[in-house]
Amino acid sequence: MAVVTLLDRARPGAVPLTSSGTSATPERVVEPYDFRRPTTLAREHARVLEVAFDTFARQWGTQLTAKLRVRSEVTSHQVQMMTYDEYASSLPATTAMVLCPLAGMTAKAVVQFPTWAAFVWVSHMLGASKVGSLPDRTFTPVEEALVRSIVEDALDDLSYSFGSLLVDEVTVGGFQYDSQFAQVAAKSDSMIVATIKIGVGNRVASGTMAIPARALLPQLGDDDASRTTLSPRELVHQQLAAVPVDVALRITPATVRPADVLGLAVGDLLPLPHPQHRPLEITVDGVPVGSAAVGANGSRLAGVVVSVTTDPREGTA
């Protein structure tokens, strides 16, 4: 399998210090990436989904406040695409997973949260003003029915928030408490996963909302994020062609002694070896790519290109 390891280096200039005040080597994060199975959302698609999940989070927070009769807030923090196997591996071994079938699809959506968070919600629904110790067990039939009603309200908010992005009807199915044995989708199926924070009273729980990618990507204009007619070489060229670069016009450098630089004063003249009739050199990141004469574009200076280097490594033509 073709796998490349990417190193996420620390930002330049950010040097962590140890407790003794000496600099420490920044820890590098290693992330494997398989180019044969890319699972990256396009930037414009990710933005649309982030807005949809943010809207859903606000709607569900309002719904929880009304249902639990205690101040509640739900926020969406990250939206990404991953395989179901990667998603399941990222979850705690024991957690509450509400499996939500989608009409016409075998893969299911998932609403996941800690079991203790559900006990907090149930306690407030039953009239408790304060919640003490929380049990470490699965739900009873009565608790499951109450949690089901909360998730049903959440799915109504989900359908409203996503609108035309989610055309398949989503319903509440069964409950699963072991993330490794939940029958949700095939291991290689792509899932759109949003990380959410659910605050009820003074308790905040971390959860996730996962939706099969096939249920959303067609409405975004792409039903297969890994499908492309371009070769990897063409994709690299296409990306590089859109990267902004700094272009400069450069005169011939002058060579001076350090004593001359240290002795500079206001009004001194530095002779430059660049003839007046000779065009300036066009450089991209210091590499010559052509030459240009000094011109004007309205009230601004401009460079009129007079020659272009076929191969930047050969110098100015």
Protein backbone atom coordinates (compact mmCIF):
# COMPACT_ATOMS: atom_id res chain seq x y z
CA MET A 1 0.00 0.00 0.00
CA ALA A 2 1.36 3.41 -1.01
CA VAL A 3 1.61 5.37 2.22
CA VAL A 4 3.49 8.61 2.79
CA THR A 5 4.25 9.92 6.27
CA LEU A 6 3.65 13.63 6.78
CA LEU A 7 5.48 15.55 9.51
CA ASP A 8 3.67 18.47 11.07
CA ARG A 9 6.56 20.66 12.18
CA ALA A 10 6.27 23.38 14.79
CA ARG A 11 5.78 26.90 13.52
CA PRO A 12 9.03 28.82 12.89
CA GLY A 13 10.02 30.91 15.86
CA ALA A 14 7.92 28.99 18.35
CA VAL A 15 10.46 27.33 20.66
CA PRO A 16 8.96 25.64 23.75
CA LEU A 17 10.83 25.92 27.03
CA THR A 18 11.36 23.32 29.71
CA SER A 19 10.69 23.96 33.40
CA SER A 20 14.34 25.05 33.78
CA GLY A 21 13.95 27.72 31.09
CA THR A 22 16.04 25.98 28.45
CA SER A 23 14.70 25.40 24.96
CA ALA A 24 13.22 21.98 24.19
CA THR A 25 12.94 20.24 20.85
CA PRO A 26 9.30 20.57 19.61
CA GLU A 27 7.45 17.28 19.40
CA ARG A 28 6.58 16.22 15.87
CA VAL A 29 3.19 14.77 15.01
CA VAL A 30 3.34 11.91 12.50
CA GLU A 31 0.25 11.33 10.37
CA PRO A 32 0.08 8.53 7.75
CA TYR A 33 -1.70 9.35 4.48
CA ASP A 34 -2.71 6.84 1.81
CA PHE A 35 -2.74 8.50 -1.64
CA ARG A 36 -4.70 5.59 -3.11
CA ARG A 37 -7.65 6.37 -0.81
CA PRO A 38 -7.83 10.11 -0.21
CA THR A 39 -10.51 11.14 2.29
CA THR A 40 -10.17 14.89 2.22
CA LEU A 41 -13.09 17.25 1.76
CA ALA A 42 -12.78 19.99 -0.82
CA ARG A 43 -12.43 23.37 0.88
CA GLU A 44 -15.72 24.70 -0.48
CA HIS A 45 -17.56 21.52 0.53
CA ALA A 46 -16.06 21.62 4.02
CA ARG A 47 -17.22 25.22 4.47
CA VAL A 48 -20.80 24.40 3.45
CA LEU A 49 -20.89 21.45 5.86
CA GLU A 50 -19.39 23.50 8.70
CA VAL A 51 -22.14 26.09 8.31
CA ALA A 52 -24.80 23.34 8.28
CA PHE A 53 -23.42 21.66 11.41
CA ASP A 54 -23.08 25.04 13.18
CA THR A 55 -26.75 25.75 12.44
CA PHE A 56 -27.70 22.29 13.68
CA ALA A 57 -25.73 22.79 16.89
CA ARG A 58 -27.49 26.07 17.68
CA GLN A 59 -30.90 24.60 16.96
CA TRP A 60 -30.28 21.52 19.10
CA GLY A 61 -28.96 23.65 21.97
CA THR A 62 -32.19 25.66 21.96
CA GLN A 63 -34.22 22.45 21.80
CA LEU A 64 -32.34 20.95 24.76
CA THR A 65 -32.85 24.09 26.85
CA ALA A 66 -36.61 23.88 26.32
CA LYS A 67 -36.80 20.12 26.87
CA LEU A 68 -34.52 19.83 29.91
CA ARG A 69 -35.53 23.17 31.48
CA VAL A 70 -31.88 24.02 32.13
CA ARG A 71 -29.51 26.21 30.13
CA SER A 72 -27.94 24.10 27.38
CA GLU A 73 -25.53 24.83 24.56
CA VAL A 74 -24.30 22.70 21.67
CA THR A 75 -21.32 23.75 19.53
CA SER A 76 -19.69 22.19 16.47
CA HIS A 77 -15.88 22.29 16.47
CA GLN A 78 -14.58 20.24 13.55
CA VAL A 79 -15.94 18.65 10.39
CA GLN A 80 -13.88 16.07 8.52
CA MET A 81 -14.26 13.04 6.29
CA MET A 82 -12.86 9.67 7.35
CA THR A 83 -13.58 6.01 6.81
CA TYR A 84 -15.96 4.31 9.20
CA ASP A 85 -13.11 2.14 10.47
CA GLU A 86 -11.12 5.27 11.40
CA TYR A 87 -14.19 6.84 12.98
CA ALA A 88 -15.00 3.78 15.10
CA SER A 89 -11.36 3.52 16.21
CA SER A 90 -11.42 7.13 17.41
CA LEU A 91 -14.38 6.52 19.77
CA PRO A 92 -14.13 5.33 23.38
CA ALA A 93 -14.54 1.59 23.80
CA THR A 94 -17.72 2.13 25.83
CA THR A 95 -20.02 4.94 24.79
CA ALA A 96 -23.60 5.61 23.74
CA MET A 97 -24.17 5.35 19.98
CA VAL A 98 -27.61 5.99 18.55
CA LEU A 99 -27.80 4.32 15.14
CA CYS A 100 -29.95 6.29 12.69
CA PRO A 101 -31.01 4.54 9.46
CA LEU A 102 -31.32 6.61 6.27
CA ALA A 103 -34.04 5.83 3.76
CA GLY A 104 -32.67 3.86 0.82
CA MET A 105 -29.19 3.33 2.29
CA THR A 106 -27.56 0.45 4.14
CA ALA A 107 -25.09 2.69 5.98
CA LYS A 108 -26.44 4.53 9.01
CA ALA A 109 -25.84 7.89 10.62
CA VAL A 110 -24.60 7.99 14.22
CA VAL A 111 -25.20 10.31 17.15
CA GLN A 112 -22.54 9.49 19.76
CA PHE A 113 -22.12 10.82 23.31
CA PRO A 114 -20.93 9.54 26.71
CA THR A 115 -23.46 7.51 28.66
CA TRP A 116 -23.00 9.74 31.71
CA ALA A 117 -24.15 12.74 29.66
CA ALA A 118 -27.42 10.97 28.84
CA PHE A 119 -28.01 10.29 32.56
CA VAL A 120 -27.61 14.04 33.19
CA TRP A 121 -30.21 14.79 30.51
CA VAL A 122 -32.63 12.21 31.86
CA SER A 123 -32.27 13.53 35.43
CA HIS A 124 -33.17 17.05 34.31
CA MET A 125 -36.09 15.76 32.24
CA LEU A 126 -37.45 14.07 35.35
CA GLY A 127 -37.26 17.30 37.35
CA ALA A 128 -33.89 17.12 39.12
CA SER A 129 -32.37 20.55 39.74
CA LYS A 130 -28.96 19.11 40.63
CA VAL A 131 -27.34 15.89 39.47
CA GLY A 132 -25.15 13.93 41.85
CA SER A 133 -23.13 10.79 41.12
CA LEU A 134 -23.77 9.14 37.76
CA PRO A 135 -24.03 5.38 37.16
CA ASP A 136 -21.70 3.49 34.84
CA ARG A 137 -24.07 1.21 32.95
CA THR A 138 -26.29 0.96 29.90
CA PHE A 139 -29.75 2.55 29.72
CA THR A 140 -32.88 1.01 31.17
CA PRO A 141 -35.93 0.83 28.85
CA VAL A 142 -37.37 3.99 30.44
CA GLU A 143 -34.06 5.88 30.13
CA GLU A 144 -33.64 4.67 26.56
CA ALA A 145 -37.11 5.96 25.65
CA LEU A 146 -36.30 9.39 27.09
CA VAL A 147 -32.93 9.56 25.30
CA ARG A 148 -34.65 8.44 22.09
CA SER A 149 -37.04 11.40 22.31
CA ILE A 150 -34.06 13.77 22.72
CA VAL A 151 -32.32 12.31 19.66
CA GLU A 152 -35.54 12.45 17.63
CA ASP A 153 -35.70 16.18 18.33
CA ALA A 154 -32.04 16.45 17.31
CA LEU A 155 -32.73 14.73 13.99
CA ASP A 156 -35.59 17.16 13.31
CA ASP A 157 -33.10 19.99 13.85
CA LEU A 158 -30.61 18.17 11.60
CA SER A 159 -33.10 17.94 8.72
CA TYR A 160 -34.03 21.61 9.14
CA SER A 161 -30.39 22.77 9.31
CA PHE A 162 -29.15 20.75 6.32
CA GLY A 163 -32.19 21.42 4.15
CA SER A 164 -31.55 20.27 0.58
CA LEU A 165 -28.13 18.85 1.54
CA LEU A 166 -29.78 15.91 3.30
CA VAL A 167 -32.52 14.51 1.08
CA ASP A 168 -32.80 11.09 2.75
CA GLU A 169 -35.09 10.74 5.76
CA VAL A 170 -33.19 9.99 8.98
CA THR A 171 -34.88 8.09 11.81
CA VAL A 172 -33.82 6.81 15.22
CA GLY A 173 -32.91 3.14 15.22
CA GLY A 174 -31.20 1.06 17.88
CA PHE A 175 -28.66 1.82 20.60
CA GLN A 176 -25.14 0.44 20.77
CA TYR A 177 -22.68 0.75 23.67
CA ASP A 178 -19.58 -0.90 22.19
CA SER A 179 -18.08 1.21 19.40
CA GLN A 180 -16.09 -1.71 17.97
CA PHE A 181 -19.16 -3.92 17.42
CA ALA A 182 -21.66 -1.38 16.11
CA GLN A 183 -22.97 -2.41 12.69
CA VAL A 184 -23.13 1.00 11.02
CA ALA A 185 -21.30 0.83 7.68
CA ALA A 186 -18.55 -1.03 5.85
CA LYS A 187 -15.06 -0.31 7.16
CA SER A 188 -14.04 1.51 3.98
CA ASP A 189 -17.22 3.62 3.71
CA SER A 190 -16.57 7.36 4.00
CA MET A 191 -18.31 9.26 6.78
CA ILE A 192 -18.74 13.00 7.35
CA VAL A 193 -17.92 13.41 11.06
CA ALA A 194 -18.57 16.51 13.15
CA THR A 195 -17.11 16.84 16.65
CA ILE A 196 -19.59 18.52 18.98
CA LYS A 197 -19.64 19.80 22.55
CA ILE A 198 -22.89 19.41 24.49
CA GLY A 199 -23.17 21.62 27.55
CA VAL A 200 -26.08 21.07 29.94
CA GLY A 201 -25.94 23.13 33.10
CA ASN A 202 -22.36 23.08 34.32
CA ARG A 203 -21.49 19.76 32.62
CA VAL A 204 -19.99 19.59 29.14
CA ALA A 205 -19.74 16.36 27.14
CA SER A 206 -17.84 15.66 23.92
CA GLY A 207 -19.71 13.79 21.22
CA THR A 208 -19.83 13.24 17.47
CA MET A 209 -22.34 13.27 14.67
CA ALA A 210 -21.48 11.01 11.73
CA ILE A 211 -23.36 10.90 8.42
CA PRO A 212 -22.50 8.65 5.45
CA ALA A 213 -20.69 10.71 2.83
CA ARG A 214 -22.87 9.23 0.09
CA ALA A 215 -25.88 10.94 1.67
CA LEU A 216 -24.32 14.42 1.41
CA LEU A 217 -21.69 14.60 -1.35
CA PRO A 218 -24.10 14.28 -4.33
CA GLN A 219 -25.87 17.46 -3.19
CA LEU A 220 -22.48 19.19 -2.95
CA GLY A 221 -21.73 18.38 -6.58
CA ASP A 222 -19.37 15.45 -5.97
CA ASP A 223 -20.56 11.94 -5.16
CA ASP A 224 -17.05 10.53 -4.91
CA ALA A 225 -14.28 12.66 -3.42
CA SER A 226 -11.58 10.29 -4.67
CA ARG A 227 -12.76 10.24 -8.32
CA THR A 228 -10.74 12.34 -10.78
CA THR A 229 -9.75 12.15 -14.43
CA LEU A 230 -6.39 13.83 -13.84
CA SER A 231 -3.15 11.97 -13.16
CA PRO A 232 -1.20 12.71 -9.96
CA ARG A 233 1.35 14.67 -12.01
CA GLU A 234 -1.41 16.80 -13.55
CA LEU A 235 -2.95 17.39 -10.15
CA VAL A 236 0.38 18.59 -8.76
CA HIS A 237 0.88 20.93 -11.73
CA GLN A 238 -2.68 22.22 -11.34
CA GLN A 239 -2.12 22.97 -7.67
CA LEU A 240 1.28 24.59 -8.18
CA ALA A 241 -0.13 26.83 -10.92
CA ALA A 242 -2.54 28.34 -8.38
CA VAL A 243 0.03 28.99 -5.63
CA PRO A 244 0.77 32.74 -5.20
CA VAL A 245 4.44 33.71 -5.60
CA ASP A 246 6.42 36.94 -5.12
CA VAL A 247 7.70 38.55 -8.35
CA ALA A 248 10.39 41.27 -8.23
CA LEU A 249 12.32 43.48 -10.65
CA ARG A 250 16.03 43.42 -9.75
CA ILE A 251 18.95 45.61 -10.81
CA THR A 252 22.52 44.34 -10.98
CA PRO A 253 23.84 43.99 -7.40
CA ALA A 254 26.67 46.29 -6.25
CA THR A 255 29.63 44.98 -4.27
CA VAL A 256 30.79 47.17 -1.36
CA ARG A 257 33.05 46.73 1.65
CA PRO A 258 31.71 46.47 5.20
CA ALA A 259 33.54 49.71 6.03
CA ASP A 260 31.55 51.50 3.31
CA VAL A 261 28.27 50.21 4.75
CA LEU A 262 29.19 51.18 8.32
CA GLY A 263 30.20 54.65 7.13
CA LEU A 264 26.94 55.41 5.28
CA ALA A 265 25.31 58.73 6.11
CA VAL A 266 22.30 60.67 4.87
CA GLY A 267 23.06 62.12 1.44
CA ASP A 268 25.75 59.59 0.44
CA LEU A 269 25.53 58.09 -3.05
CA LEU A 270 25.97 54.40 -3.83
CA PRO A 271 27.07 53.83 -7.43
CA LEU A 272 25.21 50.93 -9.05
CA PRO A 273 26.77 48.92 -11.89
CA HIS A 274 23.43 48.63 -13.74
CA PRO A 275 23.49 50.57 -17.10
CA GLN A 276 20.53 52.91 -17.67
CA HIS A 277 19.64 51.29 -21.01
CA ARG A 278 19.69 47.72 -19.66
CA PRO A 279 16.32 46.11 -18.69
CA LEU A 280 15.72 44.98 -15.12
CA GLU A 281 15.77 41.31 -14.20
CA ILE A 282 12.44 39.59 -13.41
CA THR A 283 12.86 37.17 -10.50
CA VAL A 284 10.54 34.74 -8.76
CA ASP A 285 11.75 33.91 -5.28
CA GLY A 286 15.22 35.04 -6.33
CA VAL A 287 15.29 32.92 -9.51
CA PRO A 288 15.63 34.89 -12.81
CA VAL A 289 12.77 34.20 -15.25
CA GLY A 290 13.08 37.10 -17.72
CA SER A 291 13.75 40.82 -18.12
CA ALA A 292 11.58 43.93 -18.17
CA ALA A 293 11.91 47.63 -18.87
CA VAL A 294 10.59 50.20 -16.41
CA GLY A 295 7.16 51.49 -17.43
CA ALA A 296 3.96 52.84 -15.91
CA ASN A 297 0.41 51.65 -15.42
CA GLY A 298 -1.64 54.72 -14.61
CA SER A 299 -0.12 56.31 -11.51
CA ARG A 300 1.87 53.18 -10.63
CA LEU A 301 5.22 51.90 -11.81
CA ALA A 302 5.16 48.76 -13.92
CA GLY A 303 7.54 46.41 -15.68
CA VAL A 304 7.20 45.93 -19.44
CA VAL A 305 8.36 42.38 -20.19
CA VAL A 306 10.92 42.32 -22.99
CA SER A 307 12.15 38.73 -22.73
CA VAL A 308 11.23 35.48 -20.97
CA THR A 309 13.61 32.72 -19.96
CA THR A 310 12.62 29.34 -21.41
CA ASP A 311 14.23 27.51 -18.50
CA PRO A 312 14.82 29.61 -15.31
CA ARG A 313 17.94 27.53 -14.62
CA GLU A 314 19.57 28.95 -17.77
CA GLY A 315 19.45 32.57 -16.57
CA THR A 316 18.00 35.60 -18.33
CA ALA A 317 17.56 35.27 -22.09
